[in-house]
Amino acid sequence: MTSVVSSPPRTIRIGSRKSQLALVQTYWVQEQLQKSYPDITFEVHTMSTQGDKILDVALAKIGDKGLFTKELEVGMLNQEIDFAVHSLKDLPTNLPEGLTLAAITERENPADALVVHEKHKDKQIDTLPEGAVIGTSSLRRLAQLRHHFPHFTFKDVRGNLITRLAKLDAGEYDALILAAAGLERLGMGDRIHQVIPKEISLHAVGQGALGIECRADDSEVLSLLKAIEHTETRDRCLAERSFLRSLEGGCQVPIGVNTEISGDNLTLTGIVASVDGQKFVKDTVTGQANNAEALGIELAELLRQQGAQEILSEIFAVIQRGS
């Protein structure tokens, strides 16, 4: 009788940035997959990206195509890792040939959050004093806040979350605007002083969700990753990413969104704003959630008719001049 020798289970290599938040997110994905597939080994491999290395220049001036993802994508294409865990808001809407967005996890709160210096603990965003120094590295937040609060002073802030909070506590800023989801994931939810209402700041495309990217031809990994897919979050984020892609915007352009699902319907709201907050177009579309990407295209066209493309063209020209 011939014995059959089975091949050992494959070891799946997960790619991650080295930042504390990235690792927390990646270890969470590893844990979820290990629960679903106890006989498979999932190993975490870390890499530094360009965005992690350049900390003294505003993100918009560096350029944002793959700023926090390119090195991980090269690792996948070179077969060094099998998939990568990204904060979905950092993942460009057009992926390199041979790679695909395999899964989107259940979203944490996608809103922006106000974190204040101790001396302003009795304040909300609309009661901070004139001239208050607000730290943000996001043109999207900057444009919306300037639109609503032109009397604030805005200052770029880079570095990991711990570094930014240390700068705030040292008095370099009166307040910071950060992603609520990142604070929650790092166990720092108590630093959230106020969740910014969507009427003031629409969130970034994909904010609060994790995007899992892998090789498009790796059917085994694609199948495994379905275990952590969250359908409602995927529909919402696909609509948002389609909207951003259709406007040819990047992660560092002042484009904000909000999505809600009720039954089979998805409502997508989007804004495009000039960096100074003076020009501001906003609209909303509603349709079938299973037609999410078409809704994103529809909303982009509505805003284009209202002048969004002219606003974005002006921003791109300024960024390219490096000013």
Protein backbone atom coordinates (compact mmCIF):
# COMPACT_ATOMS: atom_id res chain seq x y z
CA MET A 1 0.00 0.00 0.00
CA THR A 2 1.36 3.38 -1.05
CA SER A 3 1.35 6.02 1.67
CA VAL A 4 0.42 9.59 0.78
CA VAL A 5 2.72 12.24 2.18
CA SER A 6 0.87 15.50 2.67
CA SER A 7 2.75 18.75 2.24
CA PRO A 8 3.12 20.90 5.37
CA PRO A 9 0.74 23.85 5.72
CA ARG A 10 1.96 27.02 4.07
CA THR A 11 3.39 29.82 6.22
CA ILE A 12 1.68 33.11 5.33
CA ARG A 13 3.87 36.20 5.64
CA ILE A 14 2.11 39.45 6.62
CA GLY A 15 3.73 42.77 5.77
CA SER A 16 3.43 45.80 8.06
CA ARG A 17 4.94 49.22 8.61
CA LYS A 18 7.00 49.48 11.81
CA SER A 19 4.91 52.21 13.46
CA GLN A 20 3.14 51.36 16.70
CA LEU A 21 -0.31 51.87 15.18
CA ALA A 22 0.53 49.81 12.09
CA LEU A 23 1.74 46.93 14.25
CA VAL A 24 -1.32 47.03 16.51
CA GLN A 25 -3.50 46.80 13.40
CA THR A 26 -1.41 44.05 11.82
CA TYR A 27 -1.30 41.92 14.98
CA TRP A 28 -5.10 42.24 15.18
CA VAL A 29 -5.42 40.90 11.62
CA GLN A 30 -2.97 38.10 12.46
CA GLU A 31 -5.01 37.18 15.53
CA GLN A 32 -8.30 37.09 13.62
CA LEU A 33 -6.86 34.90 10.87
CA GLN A 34 -5.17 32.58 13.37
CA LYS A 35 -8.56 32.03 15.05
CA SER A 36 -10.12 31.16 11.70
CA TYR A 37 -7.22 29.00 10.48
CA PRO A 38 -5.43 27.47 13.51
CA ASP A 39 -3.41 25.07 11.34
CA ILE A 40 -1.78 27.83 9.30
CA THR A 41 1.18 29.88 10.52
CA PHE A 42 0.90 33.65 10.04
CA GLU A 43 4.18 35.57 10.45
CA VAL A 44 4.53 39.36 10.65
CA HIS A 45 7.36 41.00 8.68
CA THR A 46 7.99 44.74 9.15
CA MET A 47 9.29 47.38 6.72
CA SER A 48 9.93 51.12 6.83
CA THR A 49 8.18 53.21 4.18
CA GLN A 50 9.13 56.60 2.73
CA GLY A 51 6.40 58.23 4.82
CA ASP A 52 7.96 56.81 7.98
CA LYS A 53 11.43 58.12 7.13
CA ILE A 54 10.64 61.72 6.11
CA LEU A 55 9.25 63.43 9.19
CA ASP A 56 10.32 67.04 8.73
CA VAL A 57 8.37 67.85 5.54
CA ALA A 58 4.62 68.33 5.13
CA LEU A 59 3.02 65.26 3.55
CA ALA A 60 1.51 67.23 0.67
CA LYS A 61 4.96 68.45 -0.36
CA ILE A 62 6.44 64.94 -0.47
CA GLY A 63 3.79 63.55 -2.79
CA ASP A 64 1.43 60.83 -1.69
CA LYS A 65 1.44 58.08 -4.29
CA GLY A 66 2.28 55.08 -2.16
CA LEU A 67 3.92 57.19 0.53
CA PHE A 68 3.09 54.60 3.23
CA THR A 69 2.61 51.57 0.98
CA LYS A 70 5.16 51.33 -1.84
CA GLU A 71 7.84 49.35 0.01
CA LEU A 72 5.23 46.81 1.15
CA GLU A 73 3.91 46.50 -2.40
CA VAL A 74 7.40 45.85 -3.74
CA GLY A 75 7.76 43.16 -1.06
CA MET A 76 4.59 41.44 -2.29
CA LEU A 77 5.59 41.60 -5.95
CA ASN A 78 9.02 40.17 -5.05
CA GLN A 79 7.35 37.31 -3.10
CA GLU A 80 8.95 38.45 0.17
CA ILE A 81 5.55 38.81 1.85
CA ASP A 82 2.13 37.42 0.93
CA PHE A 83 -0.13 40.30 1.92
CA ALA A 84 0.07 43.70 3.59
CA VAL A 85 -2.10 45.42 6.17
CA HIS A 86 -2.72 49.12 5.54
CA SER A 87 -4.77 51.87 7.09
CA LEU A 88 -7.14 52.03 4.12
CA LYS A 89 -6.93 55.84 4.00
CA ASP A 90 -3.21 55.50 3.11
CA LEU A 91 -3.77 53.05 0.24
CA PRO A 92 -3.86 54.72 -3.19
CA THR A 93 -7.05 54.12 -5.21
CA ASN A 94 -5.03 52.81 -8.18
CA LEU A 95 -2.91 49.81 -7.21
CA PRO A 96 0.18 48.47 -9.01
CA GLU A 97 -0.40 45.85 -11.68
CA GLY A 98 -0.50 42.40 -10.11
CA LEU A 99 -1.87 43.55 -6.74
CA THR A 100 -5.46 43.80 -5.50
CA LEU A 101 -7.49 45.03 -2.54
CA ALA A 102 -8.41 41.63 -1.14
CA ALA A 103 -10.41 42.55 1.98
CA ILE A 104 -11.64 45.52 4.00
CA THR A 105 -12.19 44.99 7.73
CA GLU A 106 -15.01 46.30 9.89
CA ARG A 107 -14.64 50.01 10.34
CA GLU A 108 -13.88 51.77 13.60
CA ASN A 109 -15.29 55.28 14.11
CA PRO A 110 -14.11 57.12 10.95
CA ALA A 111 -14.52 60.61 12.43
CA ASP A 112 -11.82 63.15 13.20
CA ALA A 113 -11.17 63.91 16.87
CA LEU A 114 -10.15 67.02 18.78
CA VAL A 115 -7.37 66.51 21.34
CA VAL A 116 -6.64 69.57 23.48
CA HIS A 117 -3.90 70.88 25.73
CA GLU A 118 -4.80 70.66 29.41
CA LYS A 119 -5.46 74.41 29.60
CA HIS A 120 -8.35 74.06 27.13
CA LYS A 121 -10.10 71.12 28.78
CA ASP A 122 -13.27 73.17 29.21
CA LYS A 123 -13.38 74.09 25.50
CA GLN A 124 -14.90 72.53 22.38
CA ILE A 125 -13.69 73.20 18.86
CA ASP A 126 -16.08 76.11 18.43
CA THR A 127 -15.08 77.76 21.73
CA LEU A 128 -11.29 77.62 21.43
CA PRO A 129 -9.84 81.16 21.58
CA GLU A 130 -8.99 83.26 18.54
CA GLY A 131 -5.49 82.45 17.30
CA ALA A 132 -5.47 78.99 18.90
CA VAL A 133 -2.69 76.89 17.31
CA ILE A 134 -4.21 73.76 15.77
CA GLY A 135 -1.89 70.96 14.67
CA THR A 136 -2.73 68.83 11.63
CA SER A 137 -0.75 67.28 8.78
CA SER A 138 -3.88 66.77 6.64
CA LEU A 139 -4.87 69.23 3.90
CA ARG A 140 -8.40 67.82 4.11
CA ARG A 141 -8.74 68.75 7.79
CA LEU A 142 -6.94 72.03 7.24
CA ALA A 143 -9.26 73.15 4.43
CA GLN A 144 -12.47 72.27 6.28
CA LEU A 145 -11.36 73.82 9.56
CA ARG A 146 -10.19 77.01 7.83
CA HIS A 147 -13.60 77.19 6.17
CA HIS A 148 -15.42 77.03 9.54
CA PHE A 149 -12.79 78.64 11.81
CA PRO A 150 -10.69 81.18 9.88
CA HIS A 151 -9.60 82.75 13.19
CA PHE A 152 -7.44 79.75 14.20
CA THR A 153 -3.71 79.41 13.47
CA PHE A 154 -2.80 76.14 11.78
CA LYS A 155 0.58 74.41 12.08
CA ASP A 156 1.83 71.20 10.49
CA VAL A 157 2.56 68.29 12.83
CA ARG A 158 4.39 65.09 11.88
CA GLY A 159 5.69 62.05 13.71
CA ASN A 160 3.94 59.06 15.24
CA LEU A 161 0.98 59.50 17.54
CA ILE A 162 3.07 59.47 20.74
CA THR A 163 5.37 62.17 19.33
CA ARG A 164 2.44 64.37 18.29
CA LEU A 165 0.76 64.09 21.67
CA ALA A 166 4.06 64.91 23.42
CA LYS A 167 4.35 68.09 21.33
CA LEU A 168 0.79 69.02 22.29
CA ASP A 169 1.40 68.39 26.00
CA ALA A 170 4.62 70.43 25.83
CA GLY A 171 2.59 73.43 24.71
CA GLU A 172 3.63 73.61 21.05
CA TYR A 173 -0.06 73.41 20.08
CA ASP A 174 -3.35 74.30 21.69
CA ALA A 175 -5.05 71.31 20.06
CA LEU A 176 -4.52 68.52 17.54
CA ILE A 177 -6.95 67.02 15.05
CA LEU A 178 -6.38 63.25 14.80
CA ALA A 179 -8.26 60.19 13.61
CA ALA A 180 -10.51 58.85 16.37
CA ALA A 181 -9.89 55.28 15.17
CA GLY A 182 -6.12 55.50 15.63
CA LEU A 183 -6.46 56.80 19.18
CA GLU A 184 -8.96 54.06 20.04
CA ARG A 185 -6.80 51.30 18.56
CA LEU A 186 -3.81 52.42 20.61
CA GLY A 187 -5.84 52.47 23.82
CA MET A 188 -5.79 56.27 23.93
CA GLY A 189 -9.49 56.88 23.53
CA ASP A 190 -9.42 58.89 26.75
CA ARG A 191 -7.44 61.59 24.88
CA ILE A 192 -10.41 62.23 22.59
CA HIS A 193 -11.82 65.50 23.87
CA GLN A 194 -14.47 65.84 21.17
CA VAL A 195 -15.50 63.84 18.12
CA ILE A 196 -15.68 66.46 15.35
CA PRO A 197 -19.21 66.58 13.88
CA LYS A 198 -19.44 65.64 10.21
CA GLU A 199 -21.00 69.05 9.57
CA ILE A 200 -17.57 70.52 10.35
CA SER A 201 -15.16 67.86 9.05
CA LEU A 202 -15.99 65.03 6.68
CA HIS A 203 -13.50 62.21 7.17
CA ALA A 204 -10.85 60.85 4.81
CA VAL A 205 -11.65 58.19 2.24
CA GLY A 206 -11.36 54.81 3.97
CA GLN A 207 -10.60 56.32 7.39
CA GLY A 208 -11.18 53.90 10.27
CA ALA A 209 -10.96 50.76 8.09
CA LEU A 210 -8.05 48.42 7.33
CA GLY A 211 -7.30 47.46 3.74
CA ILE A 212 -5.62 44.13 3.04
CA GLU A 213 -3.63 44.07 -0.20
CA CYS A 214 -2.20 40.94 -1.83
CA ARG A 215 -1.09 39.51 -5.16
CA ALA A 216 -4.04 39.24 -7.53
CA ASP A 217 -3.08 35.71 -8.61
CA ASP A 218 -2.70 34.25 -5.10
CA SER A 219 -6.01 32.42 -4.88
CA GLU A 220 -5.17 30.77 -1.54
CA VAL A 221 -4.50 34.07 0.26
CA LEU A 222 -7.49 35.73 -1.43
CA SER A 223 -9.69 32.96 -0.09
CA LEU A 224 -8.23 33.12 3.43
CA LEU A 225 -8.74 36.87 3.68
CA LYS A 226 -12.48 36.60 3.09
CA ALA A 227 -12.72 35.53 6.76
CA ILE A 228 -12.07 39.12 7.88
CA GLU A 229 -14.05 40.94 5.18
CA HIS A 230 -16.91 43.19 6.43
CA THR A 231 -19.48 43.64 3.67
CA GLU A 232 -21.05 46.91 4.84
CA THR A 233 -17.67 48.54 5.40
CA ARG A 234 -16.48 47.32 2.00
CA ASP A 235 -19.49 48.85 0.23
CA ARG A 236 -19.01 52.16 2.02
CA CYS A 237 -15.28 52.29 1.34
CA LEU A 238 -15.57 51.20 -2.31
CA ALA A 239 -17.99 54.11 -2.88
CA GLU A 240 -15.55 56.50 -1.19
CA ARG A 241 -12.53 55.21 -3.10
CA SER A 242 -14.40 55.37 -6.40
CA PHE A 243 -15.30 59.01 -5.67
CA LEU A 244 -11.66 59.87 -4.91
CA ARG A 245 -10.35 57.95 -7.95
CA SER A 246 -12.85 59.67 -10.26
CA LEU A 247 -11.64 63.09 -9.11
CA GLU A 248 -8.01 61.99 -9.55
CA GLY A 249 -7.35 63.04 -6.00
CA GLY A 250 -4.79 61.61 -3.62
CA CYS A 251 -4.62 60.94 0.10
CA GLN A 252 -3.26 64.45 0.75
CA VAL A 253 -5.85 66.43 -1.26
CA PRO A 254 -8.74 68.27 0.50
CA ILE A 255 -11.43 65.72 -0.33
CA GLY A 256 -13.72 64.55 2.50
CA VAL A 257 -16.51 61.99 2.60
CA ASN A 258 -19.21 60.47 4.74
CA THR A 259 -21.12 57.26 4.01
CA GLU A 260 -24.17 55.72 5.63
CA ILE A 261 -26.05 52.52 4.85
CA SER A 262 -29.74 52.01 5.57
CA GLY A 263 -31.12 48.69 4.42
CA ASP A 264 -30.00 48.23 0.82
CA ASN A 265 -29.33 51.94 0.29
CA LEU A 266 -26.02 53.74 0.57
CA THR A 267 -25.77 57.52 0.99
CA LEU A 268 -22.47 59.13 0.03
CA THR A 269 -21.63 62.77 0.82
CA GLY A 270 -18.45 64.41 -0.44
CA ILE A 271 -16.66 67.73 -0.39
CA VAL A 272 -13.81 69.30 -2.29
CA ALA A 273 -12.28 72.42 -0.76
CA SER A 274 -9.44 74.82 -1.46
CA VAL A 275 -6.63 74.75 1.10
CA ASP A 276 -7.56 78.22 2.35
CA GLY A 277 -11.15 77.06 2.91
CA GLN A 278 -12.57 79.80 0.70
CA LYS A 279 -13.79 77.55 -2.13
CA PHE A 280 -16.01 74.70 -1.01
CA VAL A 281 -18.30 72.36 -2.96
CA LYS A 282 -20.39 69.64 -1.34
CA ASP A 283 -23.15 67.26 -2.46
CA THR A 284 -24.82 63.93 -1.67
CA VAL A 285 -26.04 60.91 -3.68
CA THR A 286 -28.08 57.87 -2.62
CA GLY A 287 -28.46 54.53 -4.35
CA GLN A 288 -28.11 50.76 -4.05
CA ALA A 289 -25.24 49.68 -1.79
CA ASN A 290 -24.34 46.91 -4.24
CA ASN A 291 -23.72 49.63 -6.82
CA ALA A 292 -21.25 51.46 -4.58
CA GLU A 293 -18.55 52.29 -7.12
CA ALA A 294 -21.06 53.77 -9.56
CA LEU A 295 -22.32 56.05 -6.77
CA GLY A 296 -18.80 57.34 -6.24
CA ILE A 297 -18.48 58.18 -9.92
CA GLU A 298 -21.90 59.89 -9.88
CA LEU A 299 -20.96 62.10 -6.93
CA ALA A 300 -17.61 63.02 -8.48
CA GLU A 301 -19.42 64.19 -11.62
CA LEU A 302 -21.86 66.27 -9.57
CA LEU A 303 -19.02 68.05 -7.79
CA ARG A 304 -17.08 68.45 -11.02
CA GLN A 305 -20.06 70.35 -12.43
CA GLN A 306 -19.89 72.65 -9.39
CA GLY A 307 -16.21 73.52 -9.86
CA ALA A 308 -14.36 70.72 -8.02
CA GLN A 309 -11.90 70.13 -10.85
CA GLU A 310 -10.83 73.78 -10.91
CA ILE A 311 -10.21 73.70 -7.14
CA LEU A 312 -8.12 70.52 -7.41
CA SER A 313 -6.15 71.84 -10.40
CA GLU A 314 -5.13 74.90 -8.39
CA ILE A 315 -4.02 72.70 -5.47
CA PHE A 316 -1.99 70.36 -7.69
CA ALA A 317 -0.25 73.36 -9.27
CA VAL A 318 0.77 74.70 -5.86
CA ILE A 319 1.99 71.29 -4.65
CA GLN A 320 4.05 70.77 -7.83
CA ARG A 321 5.72 74.16 -7.34
CA GLY A 322 6.63 72.98 -3.81
CA SER A 323 5.18 76.07 -2.18
